[in-house]
């Protein structure tokens, strides 16, 4: 879902800047920046989880 939002906001921002208004493009760009920041944070957390020496072991009953 996050990558879909980024894929939508990026071309919309360019289109808005070229054809509609700079103000609208600025608003879309803010949304794009927020989406990219969220994606980067998720990737950081995933790296931390996979780099952790602590793992969850499956328990057999």
PDB file of N, CA and C in Angstrom:
ATOM      1  N   UNK A   1       0.825  -1.194   0.000  1.00  0.00           N
ATOM      2  CA  UNK A   1       0.000   0.000   0.000  1.00  0.00           C
ATOM      3  C   UNK A   1       0.871   1.261   0.000  1.00  0.00           C
ATOM      4  N   UNK A   2       1.914   1.245   0.799  1.00  0.00           N
ATOM      5  CA  UNK A   2       2.795   2.405   0.891  1.00  0.00           C
ATOM      6  C   UNK A   2       3.468   2.693  -0.442  1.00  0.00           C
ATOM      7  N   UNK A   3       3.940   1.638  -1.104  1.00  0.00           N
ATOM      8  CA  UNK A   3       4.594   1.836  -2.396  1.00  0.00           C
ATOM      9  C   UNK A   3       3.600   2.317  -3.451  1.00  0.00           C
ATOM     10  N   UNK A   4       2.357   1.897  -3.336  1.00  0.00           N
ATOM     11  CA  UNK A   4       1.328   2.368  -4.264  1.00  0.00           C
ATOM     12  C   UNK A   4       1.089   3.859  -4.092  1.00  0.00           C
ATOM     13  N   UNK A   5       1.047   4.314  -2.854  1.00  0.00           N
ATOM     14  CA  UNK A   5       0.845   5.743  -2.588  1.00  0.00           C
ATOM     15  C   UNK A   5       2.003   6.560  -3.153  1.00  0.00           C
ATOM     16  N   UNK A   6       3.221   6.070  -2.958  1.00  0.00           N
ATOM     17  CA  UNK A   6       4.391   6.768  -3.492  1.00  0.00           C
ATOM     18  C   UNK A   6       4.316   6.809  -5.018  1.00  0.00           C
ATOM     19  N   UNK A   7       3.927   5.693  -5.620  1.00  0.00           N
ATOM     20  CA  UNK A   7       3.836   5.627  -7.076  1.00  0.00           C
ATOM     21  C   UNK A   7       2.775   6.575  -7.624  1.00  0.00           C
ATOM     22  N   UNK A   8       1.754   6.866  -6.846  1.00  0.00           N
ATOM     23  CA  UNK A   8       0.697   7.779  -7.283  1.00  0.00           C
ATOM     24  C   UNK A   8       1.096   9.233  -7.051  1.00  0.00           C
ATOM     25  N   UNK A   9       1.610   9.547  -5.871  1.00  0.00           N
ATOM     26  CA  UNK A   9       1.932  10.932  -5.542  1.00  0.00           C
ATOM     27  C   UNK A   9       3.038  11.521  -6.417  1.00  0.00           C
ATOM     28  N   UNK A  10       4.013  10.713  -6.762  1.00  0.00           N
ATOM     29  CA  UNK A  10       5.161  11.236  -7.512  1.00  0.00           C
ATOM     30  C   UNK A  10       4.749  11.817  -8.877  1.00  0.00           C
ATOM     31  N   UNK A  11       4.064  11.052  -9.733  1.00  0.00           N
ATOM     32  CA  UNK A  11       3.679  11.647 -11.019  1.00  0.00           C
ATOM     33  C   UNK A  11       2.621  12.742 -10.885  1.00  0.00           C
ATOM     34  N   UNK A  12       1.744  12.616  -9.891  1.00  0.00           N
ATOM     35  CA  UNK A  12       0.747  13.663  -9.682  1.00  0.00           C
ATOM     36  C   UNK A  12       1.407  14.991  -9.331  1.00  0.00           C
ATOM     37  N   UNK A  13       2.452  14.918  -8.541  1.00  0.00           N
ATOM     38  CA  UNK A  13       3.171  16.130  -8.158  1.00  0.00           C
ATOM     39  C   UNK A  13       3.774  16.807  -9.385  1.00  0.00           C
ATOM     40  N   UNK A  14       4.400  16.021 -10.227  1.00  0.00           N
ATOM     41  CA  UNK A  14       4.996  16.570 -11.448  1.00  0.00           C
ATOM     42  C   UNK A  14       3.912  17.159 -12.346  1.00  0.00           C
ATOM     43  N   UNK A  15       2.832  16.420 -12.528  1.00  0.00           N
ATOM     44  CA  UNK A  15       1.725  16.887 -13.366  1.00  0.00           C
ATOM     45  C   UNK A  15       1.139  18.184 -12.826  1.00  0.00           C
ATOM     46  N   UNK A  16       0.896  18.224 -11.529  1.00  0.00           N
ATOM     47  CA  UNK A  16       0.316  19.425 -10.920  1.00  0.00           C
ATOM     48  C   UNK A  16       1.231  20.629 -11.096  1.00  0.00           C
ATOM     49  N   UNK A  17       2.522  20.428 -10.927  1.00  0.00           N
ATOM     50  CA  UNK A  17       3.458  21.545 -11.052  1.00  0.00           C
ATOM     51  C   UNK A  17       3.484  22.080 -12.489  1.00  0.00           C
ATOM     52  N   UNK A  18       3.405  21.185 -13.447  1.00  0.00           N
ATOM     53  CA  UNK A  18       3.480  21.590 -14.856  1.00  0.00           C
ATOM     54  C   UNK A  18       2.164  22.161 -15.381  1.00  0.00           C
ATOM     55  N   UNK A  19       1.028  21.612 -14.926  1.00  0.00           N
ATOM     56  CA  UNK A  19      -0.230  21.929 -15.583  1.00  0.00           C
ATOM     57  C   UNK A  19      -1.282  22.595 -14.711  1.00  0.00           C
ATOM     58  N   UNK A  20      -1.206  22.482 -13.404  1.00  0.00           N
ATOM     59  CA  UNK A  20      -2.304  22.980 -12.576  1.00  0.00           C
ATOM     60  C   UNK A  20      -1.871  24.175 -11.741  1.00  0.00           C
ATOM     61  N   UNK A  21      -1.186  23.919 -10.629  1.00  0.00           N
ATOM     62  CA  UNK A  21      -0.740  25.044  -9.795  1.00  0.00           C
ATOM     63  C   UNK A  21       0.415  24.615  -8.902  1.00  0.00           C
ATOM     64  N   UNK A  22       1.263  25.563  -8.610  1.00  0.00           N
ATOM     65  CA  UNK A  22       2.405  25.290  -7.739  1.00  0.00           C
ATOM     66  C   UNK A  22       1.937  24.963  -6.328  1.00  0.00           C
ATOM     67  N   UNK A  23       0.869  25.622  -5.877  1.00  0.00           N
ATOM     68  CA  UNK A  23       0.352  25.375  -4.522  1.00  0.00           C
ATOM     69  C   UNK A  23      -0.106  23.922  -4.380  1.00  0.00           C
ATOM     70  N   UNK A  24      -0.862  23.428  -5.342  1.00  0.00           N
ATOM     71  CA  UNK A  24      -1.318  22.042  -5.302  1.00  0.00           C
ATOM     72  C   UNK A  24      -0.127  21.092  -5.361  1.00  0.00           C
ATOM     73  N   UNK A  25       0.831  21.405  -6.210  1.00  0.00           N
ATOM     74  CA  UNK A  25       2.025  20.573  -6.314  1.00  0.00           C
ATOM     75  C   UNK A  25       2.787  20.539  -4.992  1.00  0.00           C
ATOM     76  N   UNK A  26       2.853  21.675  -4.311  1.00  0.00           N
ATOM     77  CA  UNK A  26       3.531  21.716  -3.003  1.00  0.00           C
ATOM     78  C   UNK A  26       2.833  20.824  -1.996  1.00  0.00           C
ATOM     79  N   UNK A  27       1.510  20.828  -2.005  1.00  0.00           N
ATOM     80  CA  UNK A  27       0.748  19.978  -1.084  1.00  0.00           C
ATOM     81  C   UNK A  27       0.970  18.499  -1.394  1.00  0.00           C
ATOM     82  N   UNK A  28       0.939  18.158  -2.663  1.00  0.00           N
ATOM     83  CA  UNK A  28       1.196  16.777  -3.062  1.00  0.00           C
ATOM     84  C   UNK A  28       2.621  16.359  -2.716  1.00  0.00           C
ATOM     85  N   UNK A  29       3.557  17.276  -2.883  1.00  0.00           N
ATOM     86  CA  UNK A  29       4.949  16.984  -2.553  1.00  0.00           C
ATOM     87  C   UNK A  29       5.109  16.711  -1.057  1.00  0.00           C
ATOM     88  N   UNK A  30       4.389  17.438  -0.230  1.00  0.00           N
ATOM     89  CA  UNK A  30       4.428  17.177   1.217  1.00  0.00           C
ATOM     90  C   UNK A  30       3.939  15.772   1.517  1.00  0.00           C
ATOM     91  N   UNK A  31       2.858  15.360   0.850  1.00  0.00           N
ATOM     92  CA  UNK A  31       2.340  14.002   1.040  1.00  0.00           C
ATOM     93  C   UNK A  31       3.372  12.970   0.602  1.00  0.00           C
ATOM     94  N   UNK A  32       4.013  13.232  -0.521  1.00  0.00           N
ATOM     95  CA  UNK A  32       5.032  12.318  -1.021  1.00  0.00           C
ATOM     96  C   UNK A  32       6.189  12.196  -0.038  1.00  0.00           C
ATOM     97  N   UNK A  33       6.626  13.303   0.498  1.00  0.00           N
ATOM     98  CA  UNK A  33       7.730  13.296   1.468  1.00  0.00           C
ATOM     99  C   UNK A  33       7.337  12.510   2.714  1.00  0.00           C
ATOM    100  N   UNK A  34       6.107  12.668   3.180  1.00  0.00           N
ATOM    101  CA  UNK A  34       5.635  11.909   4.344  1.00  0.00           C
ATOM    102  C   UNK A  34       5.622  10.413   4.045  1.00  0.00           C
ATOM    103  N   UNK A  35       5.171  10.045   2.852  1.00  0.00           N
ATOM    104  CA  UNK A  35       5.133   8.633   2.472  1.00  0.00           C
ATOM    105  C   UNK A  35       6.540   8.047   2.386  1.00  0.00           C
ATOM    106  N   UNK A  36       7.461   8.796   1.813  1.00  0.00           N
ATOM    107  CA  UNK A  36       8.849   8.322   1.721  1.00  0.00           C
ATOM    108  C   UNK A  36       9.481   8.194   3.100  1.00  0.00           C
ATOM    109  N   UNK A  37       9.191   9.128   3.983  1.00  0.00           N
ATOM    110  CA  UNK A  37       9.720   9.057   5.351  1.00  0.00           C
ATOM    111  C   UNK A  37       9.159   7.834   6.073  1.00  0.00           C
ATOM    112  N   UNK A  38       7.880   7.566   5.877  1.00  0.00           N
ATOM    113  CA  UNK A  38       7.266   6.383   6.499  1.00  0.00           C
ATOM    114  C   UNK A  38       7.903   5.109   5.970  1.00  0.00           C
ATOM    115  N   UNK A  39       8.090   5.050   4.662  1.00  0.00           N
ATOM    116  CA  UNK A  39       8.728   3.871   4.073  1.00  0.00           C
ATOM    117  C   UNK A  39      10.127   3.670   4.632  1.00  0.00           C
ATOM    118  N   UNK A  40      10.882   4.751   4.732  1.00  0.00           N
ATOM    119  CA  UNK A  40      12.241   4.650   5.251  1.00  0.00           C
ATOM    120  C   UNK A  40      12.254   4.189   6.695  1.00  0.00           C
ATOM    121  N   UNK A  41      11.308   4.645   7.480  1.00  0.00           N
ATOM    122  CA  UNK A  41      11.226   4.229   8.884  1.00  0.00           C
ATOM    123  C   UNK A  41      10.896   2.741   8.988  1.00  0.00           C
ATOM    124  N   UNK A  42       9.985   2.271   8.165  1.00  0.00           N
ATOM    125  CA  UNK A  42       9.649   0.848   8.159  1.00  0.00           C
ATOM    126  C   UNK A  42      10.879   0.025   7.778  1.00  0.00           C
ATOM    127  N   UNK A  43      11.614   0.471   6.771  1.00  0.00           N
ATOM    128  CA  UNK A  43      12.823  -0.251   6.365  1.00  0.00           C
ATOM    129  C   UNK A  43      13.865  -0.268   7.481  1.00  0.00           C
ATOM    130  N   UNK A  44      14.008   0.843   8.196  1.00  0.00           N
ATOM    131  CA  UNK A  44      14.945   0.891   9.334  1.00  0.00           C
ATOM    132  C   UNK A  44      14.548  -0.118  10.404  1.00  0.00           C
ATOM    133  N   UNK A  45      13.269  -0.163  10.723  1.00  0.00           N
ATOM    134  CA  UNK A  45      12.791  -1.095  11.745  1.00  0.00           C
ATOM    135  C   UNK A  45      12.996  -2.540  11.305  1.00  0.00           C
ATOM    136  N   UNK A  46      12.760  -2.808  10.033  1.00  0.00           N
ATOM    137  CA  UNK A  46      12.982  -4.167   9.536  1.00  0.00           C
ATOM    138  C   UNK A  46      14.446  -4.552   9.637  1.00  0.00           C
ATOM    139  N   UNK A  47      15.337  -3.630   9.316  1.00  0.00           N
ATOM    140  CA  UNK A  47      16.775  -3.909   9.436  1.00  0.00           C
ATOM    141  C   UNK A  47      17.148  -4.222  10.885  1.00  0.00           C
ATOM    142  N   UNK A  48      16.583  -3.453  11.813  1.00  0.00           N
ATOM    143  CA  UNK A  48      16.866  -3.685  13.239  1.00  0.00           C
ATOM    144  C   UNK A  48      16.383  -5.064  13.668  1.00  0.00           C
ATOM    145  N   UNK A  49      15.211  -5.436  13.224  1.00  0.00           N
ATOM    146  CA  UNK A  49      14.657  -6.745  13.599  1.00  0.00           C
ATOM    147  C   UNK A  49      15.540  -7.859  13.055  1.00  0.00           C
ATOM    148  N   UNK A  50      15.908  -7.773  11.789  1.00  0.00           N
ATOM    149  CA  UNK A  50      16.709  -8.841  11.193  1.00  0.00           C
ATOM    150  C   UNK A  50      18.153  -8.839  11.669  1.00  0.00           C
ATOM    151  N   UNK A  51      18.644  -7.692  12.127  1.00  0.00           N
ATOM    152  CA  UNK A  51      20.016  -7.622  12.639  1.00  0.00           C
ATOM    153  C   UNK A  51      20.100  -8.046  14.108  1.00  0.00           C
ATOM    154  N   UNK A  52      18.968  -8.147  14.758  1.00  0.00           N
ATOM    155  CA  UNK A  52      18.936  -8.485  16.178  1.00  0.00           C
ATOM    156  C   UNK A  52      19.444  -9.909  16.401  1.00  0.00           C
ATOM    157  N   UNK A  53      20.211 -10.061  17.477  1.00  0.00           N
ATOM    158  CA  UNK A  53      20.707 -11.382  17.831  1.00  0.00           C
ATOM    159  C   UNK A  53      19.612 -12.222  18.480  1.00  0.00           C
ATOM    160  N   UNK A  54      18.594 -11.565  18.938  1.00  0.00           N
ATOM    161  CA  UNK A  54      17.480 -12.269  19.574  1.00  0.00           C
ATOM    162  C   UNK A  54      16.480 -12.666  18.496  1.00  0.00           C
ATOM    163  N   UNK A  55      16.171 -13.930  18.463  1.00  0.00           N
ATOM    164  CA  UNK A  55      15.183 -14.411  17.516  1.00  0.00           C
ATOM    165  C   UNK A  55      14.104 -15.167  18.253  1.00  0.00           C
ATOM    166  N   UNK A  56      12.989 -15.271  17.631  1.00  0.00           N
ATOM    167  CA  UNK A  56      11.886 -16.025  18.226  1.00  0.00           C
ATOM    168  C   UNK A  56      12.016 -17.466  17.737  1.00  0.00           C
ATOM    169  N   UNK A  57      12.063 -18.364  18.681  1.00  0.00           N
ATOM    170  CA  UNK A  57      12.173 -19.772  18.335  1.00  0.00           C
ATOM    171  C   UNK A  57      10.793 -20.403  18.376  1.00  0.00           C
ATOM    172  N   UNK A  58      10.536 -21.244  17.422  1.00  0.00           N
ATOM    173  CA  UNK A  58       9.275 -21.981  17.410  1.00  0.00           C
ATOM    174  C   UNK A  58       9.299 -23.023  18.524  1.00  0.00           C
ATOM    175  N   UNK A  59       8.198 -23.125  19.216  1.00  0.00           N
ATOM    176  CA  UNK A  59       8.095 -24.112  20.296  1.00  0.00           C
ATOM    177  C   UNK A  59       7.291 -25.310  19.820  1.00  0.00           C
ATOM    178  N   UNK A  60       7.819 -26.461  20.120  1.00  0.00           N
ATOM    179  CA  UNK A  60       7.073 -27.678  19.791  1.00  0.00           C
ATOM    180  C   UNK A  60       6.429 -28.190  21.064  1.00  0.00           C
ATOM    181  N   UNK A  61       5.221 -28.560  20.955  1.00  0.00           N
ATOM    182  CA  UNK A  61       4.495 -29.073  22.136  1.00  0.00           C
ATOM    183  C   UNK A  61       4.550 -30.554  22.222  1.00  0.00           C
TER     184      UNK A  61
END
